Amino acid sequence: VQLQASGGGLVQPGESLRLSCAASGFTSPPYRMGWYRQAPGKERVLVASVTSGGTTNYADFAEGRFIISRHNAKNTLVLQADTLVVEDTAVYYCHAYDRWSSVGHYWGQGTLVTVSS
């Protein structure tokens, strides 16, 4: 199983980014996929998640600015992040939870998002 994240970079406050995650090796679409982030010196926290049925969950800071979506057939996950602020600077990690797997939780390698003027 592999989760390959991409799309991070340096942007200015107010700009947007689109993060993508390509999942491979799963025998069926993971039950839940999501994005977490970890800022320097802080714990990793949930940004947003979406189930295979389309149910979404957003952190308070992401509500209204970020949109998560997935394509089950292609096993891809996208996070559209708009109106970015300096506090959004972090390493963003793709996550998948496969309830049929003994491993359960899978993580991508992370992609750095830097918001700075």
C-alpha atoms as a PDB file:
ATOM      1  CA  VAL A   1       0.000   0.000   0.000  1.00  0.00           C
ATOM      2  CA  GLN A   2       1.251   3.436  -0.890  1.00  0.00           C
ATOM      3  CA  LEU A   3      -0.063   6.963  -0.496  1.00  0.00           C
ATOM      4  CA  GLN A   4       1.656   9.526  -2.673  1.00  0.00           C
ATOM      5  CA  ALA A   5       0.927  13.132  -1.796  1.00  0.00           C
ATOM      6  CA  SER A   6       1.708  16.096  -3.993  1.00  0.00           C
ATOM      7  CA  GLY A   7       0.801  19.729  -4.528  1.00  0.00           C
ATOM      8  CA  GLY A   8       2.491  21.517  -1.658  1.00  0.00           C
ATOM      9  CA  GLY A   9       4.507  24.653  -2.119  1.00  0.00           C
ATOM     10  CA  LEU A  10       5.017  28.278  -1.212  1.00  0.00           C
ATOM     11  CA  VAL A  11       2.072  30.645  -1.532  1.00  0.00           C
ATOM     12  CA  GLN A  12       1.146  34.074  -0.288  1.00  0.00           C
ATOM     13  CA  PRO A  13      -1.642  34.723   2.210  1.00  0.00           C
ATOM     14  CA  GLY A  14      -5.006  34.659   0.487  1.00  0.00           C
ATOM     15  CA  GLU A  15      -3.900  32.327  -2.272  1.00  0.00           C
ATOM     16  CA  SER A  16      -4.959  28.729  -2.919  1.00  0.00           C
ATOM     17  CA  LEU A  17      -3.388  25.314  -3.230  1.00  0.00           C
ATOM     18  CA  ARG A  18      -4.638  21.962  -4.398  1.00  0.00           C
ATOM     19  CA  LEU A  19      -3.193  18.910  -2.697  1.00  0.00           C
ATOM     20  CA  SER A  20      -3.545  15.485  -4.263  1.00  0.00           C
ATOM     21  CA  CYS A  21      -3.020  12.000  -2.926  1.00  0.00           C
ATOM     22  CA  ALA A  22      -2.806   8.885  -5.052  1.00  0.00           C
ATOM     23  CA  ALA A  23      -3.496   5.649  -3.230  1.00  0.00           C
ATOM     24  CA  SER A  24      -2.351   2.288  -4.539  1.00  0.00           C
ATOM     25  CA  GLY A  25      -2.264  -1.279  -3.305  1.00  0.00           C
ATOM     26  CA  PHE A  26      -5.685  -1.320  -1.656  1.00  0.00           C
ATOM     27  CA  THR A  27      -7.951  -4.244  -2.530  1.00  0.00           C
ATOM     28  CA  SER A  28     -10.959  -1.955  -2.186  1.00  0.00           C
ATOM     29  CA  PRO A  29     -11.419   1.792  -1.619  1.00  0.00           C
ATOM     30  CA  PRO A  30     -10.386   2.662   1.947  1.00  0.00           C
ATOM     31  CA  TYR A  31     -13.317   3.332   4.235  1.00  0.00           C
ATOM     32  CA  ARG A  32     -12.024   6.773   5.152  1.00  0.00           C
ATOM     33  CA  MET A  33      -9.361   8.999   3.659  1.00  0.00           C
ATOM     34  CA  GLY A  34      -8.237  12.334   4.902  1.00  0.00           C
ATOM     35  CA  TRP A  35      -5.629  15.017   5.315  1.00  0.00           C
ATOM     36  CA  TYR A  36      -3.784  15.794   8.495  1.00  0.00           C
ATOM     37  CA  ARG A  37      -1.253  18.500   9.106  1.00  0.00           C
ATOM     38  CA  GLN A  38       1.614  19.093  11.464  1.00  0.00           C
ATOM     39  CA  ALA A  39       3.012  22.545  12.056  1.00  0.00           C
ATOM     40  CA  PRO A  40       6.512  23.005  13.505  1.00  0.00           C
ATOM     41  CA  GLY A  41       6.517  22.137  17.183  1.00  0.00           C
ATOM     42  CA  LYS A  42       2.882  21.061  17.186  1.00  0.00           C
ATOM     43  CA  GLU A  43       0.971  17.816  17.076  1.00  0.00           C
ATOM     44  CA  ARG A  44      -0.468  16.331  13.935  1.00  0.00           C
ATOM     45  CA  VAL A  45      -4.133  17.250  13.613  1.00  0.00           C
ATOM     46  CA  LEU A  46      -6.985  16.373  11.321  1.00  0.00           C
ATOM     47  CA  VAL A  47      -7.742  18.832   8.534  1.00  0.00           C
ATOM     48  CA  ALA A  48     -10.553  16.991   6.784  1.00  0.00           C
ATOM     49  CA  SER A  49     -11.697  13.473   6.004  1.00  0.00           C
ATOM     50  CA  VAL A  50     -14.166  11.781   3.713  1.00  0.00           C
ATOM     51  CA  THR A  51     -15.629   8.291   3.793  1.00  0.00           C
ATOM     52  CA  SER A  52     -16.113   6.041   0.801  1.00  0.00           C
ATOM     53  CA  GLY A  53     -19.773   6.996   0.979  1.00  0.00           C
ATOM     54  CA  GLY A  54     -18.980  10.697   0.745  1.00  0.00           C
ATOM     55  CA  THR A  55     -19.476  11.788   4.338  1.00  0.00           C
ATOM     56  CA  THR A  56     -17.074  14.615   5.116  1.00  0.00           C
ATOM     57  CA  ASN A  57     -15.648  15.951   8.332  1.00  0.00           C
ATOM     58  CA  TYR A  58     -13.712  19.207   8.694  1.00  0.00           C
ATOM     59  CA  ALA A  59     -11.674  20.773  11.420  1.00  0.00           C
ATOM     60  CA  ASP A  60     -13.046  24.132  12.541  1.00  0.00           C
ATOM     61  CA  PHE A  61     -10.148  25.968  10.946  1.00  0.00           C
ATOM     62  CA  ALA A  62     -10.808  24.260   7.604  1.00  0.00           C
ATOM     63  CA  GLU A  63     -14.564  24.742   7.470  1.00  0.00           C
ATOM     64  CA  GLY A  64     -15.511  27.146   4.712  1.00  0.00           C
ATOM     65  CA  ARG A  65     -12.009  27.416   3.271  1.00  0.00           C
ATOM     66  CA  PHE A  66     -11.020  23.840   2.430  1.00  0.00           C
ATOM     67  CA  ILE A  67     -12.881  21.252   0.407  1.00  0.00           C
ATOM     68  CA  ILE A  68     -12.018  17.568   0.450  1.00  0.00           C
ATOM     69  CA  SER A  69     -13.048  15.189  -2.285  1.00  0.00           C
ATOM     70  CA  ARG A  70     -12.201  11.687  -3.446  1.00  0.00           C
ATOM     71  CA  HIS A  71     -12.615   9.518  -6.490  1.00  0.00           C
ATOM     72  CA  ASN A  72     -13.181   5.971  -5.281  1.00  0.00           C
ATOM     73  CA  ALA A  73     -12.604   4.260  -8.606  1.00  0.00           C
ATOM     74  CA  LYS A  74      -9.267   6.021  -9.063  1.00  0.00           C
ATOM     75  CA  ASN A  75      -8.347   5.942  -5.373  1.00  0.00           C
ATOM     76  CA  THR A  76      -7.453   9.609  -5.408  1.00  0.00           C
ATOM     77  CA  LEU A  77      -7.968  12.227  -2.750  1.00  0.00           C
ATOM     78  CA  VAL A  78      -7.917  15.986  -3.241  1.00  0.00           C
ATOM     79  CA  LEU A  79      -7.845  18.898  -0.825  1.00  0.00           C
ATOM     80  CA  GLN A  80      -8.684  22.286  -2.276  1.00  0.00           C
ATOM     81  CA  ALA A  81      -7.350  24.864   0.155  1.00  0.00           C
ATOM     82  CA  ASP A  82      -8.468  28.450  -0.394  1.00  0.00           C
ATOM     83  CA  THR A  83      -7.844  31.739   1.372  1.00  0.00           C
ATOM     84  CA  LEU A  84      -4.708  30.379   2.970  1.00  0.00           C
ATOM     85  CA  VAL A  85      -3.272  32.099   6.012  1.00  0.00           C
ATOM     86  CA  VAL A  86       0.156  31.978   7.606  1.00  0.00           C
ATOM     87  CA  GLU A  87      -1.194  29.606  10.264  1.00  0.00           C
ATOM     88  CA  ASP A  88      -1.883  27.017   7.555  1.00  0.00           C
ATOM     89  CA  THR A  89       1.845  26.499   7.162  1.00  0.00           C
ATOM     90  CA  ALA A  90       2.530  22.847   7.916  1.00  0.00           C
ATOM     91  CA  VAL A  91       3.414  19.483   6.485  1.00  0.00           C
ATOM     92  CA  TYR A  92       0.237  17.956   5.143  1.00  0.00           C
ATOM     93  CA  TYR A  93      -0.160  14.190   5.298  1.00  0.00           C
ATOM     94  CA  CYS A  94      -2.508  11.967   3.389  1.00  0.00           C
ATOM     95  CA  HIS A  95      -4.140   9.283   5.516  1.00  0.00           C
ATOM     96  CA  ALA A  96      -6.234   6.239   4.745  1.00  0.00           C
ATOM     97  CA  TYR A  97      -8.124   3.922   7.040  1.00  0.00           C
ATOM     98  CA  ASP A  98      -8.825   0.479   5.653  1.00  0.00           C
ATOM     99  CA  ARG A  99     -11.096  -1.341   8.081  1.00  0.00           C
ATOM    100  CA  TRP A 100     -10.485  -4.668   6.326  1.00  0.00           C
ATOM    101  CA  SER A 101      -6.739  -4.499   6.796  1.00  0.00           C
ATOM    102  CA  SER A 102      -4.858  -5.721   9.862  1.00  0.00           C
ATOM    103  CA  VAL A 103      -2.709  -2.590   9.521  1.00  0.00           C
ATOM    104  CA  GLY A 104      -5.669  -0.274   9.399  1.00  0.00           C
ATOM    105  CA  HIS A 105      -4.054   3.125   9.179  1.00  0.00           C
ATOM    106  CA  TYR A 106      -1.763   4.239   6.379  1.00  0.00           C
ATOM    107  CA  TRP A 107       0.164   7.475   5.943  1.00  0.00           C
ATOM    108  CA  GLY A 108       1.716   9.237   3.002  1.00  0.00           C
ATOM    109  CA  GLN A 109       5.096  10.928   3.123  1.00  0.00           C
ATOM    110  CA  GLY A 110       3.782  14.459   3.611  1.00  0.00           C
ATOM    111  CA  THR A 111       3.911  17.563   1.486  1.00  0.00           C
ATOM    112  CA  LEU A 112       5.024  20.946   2.785  1.00  0.00           C
ATOM    113  CA  VAL A 113       2.726  23.940   2.521  1.00  0.00           C
ATOM    114  CA  THR A 114       4.262  27.293   3.333  1.00  0.00           C
ATOM    115  CA  VAL A 115       2.128  30.410   3.477  1.00  0.00           C
ATOM    116  CA  SER A 116       4.244  33.521   3.639  1.00  0.00           C
ATOM    117  CA  SER A 117       4.383  37.019   2.255  1.00  0.00           C
END
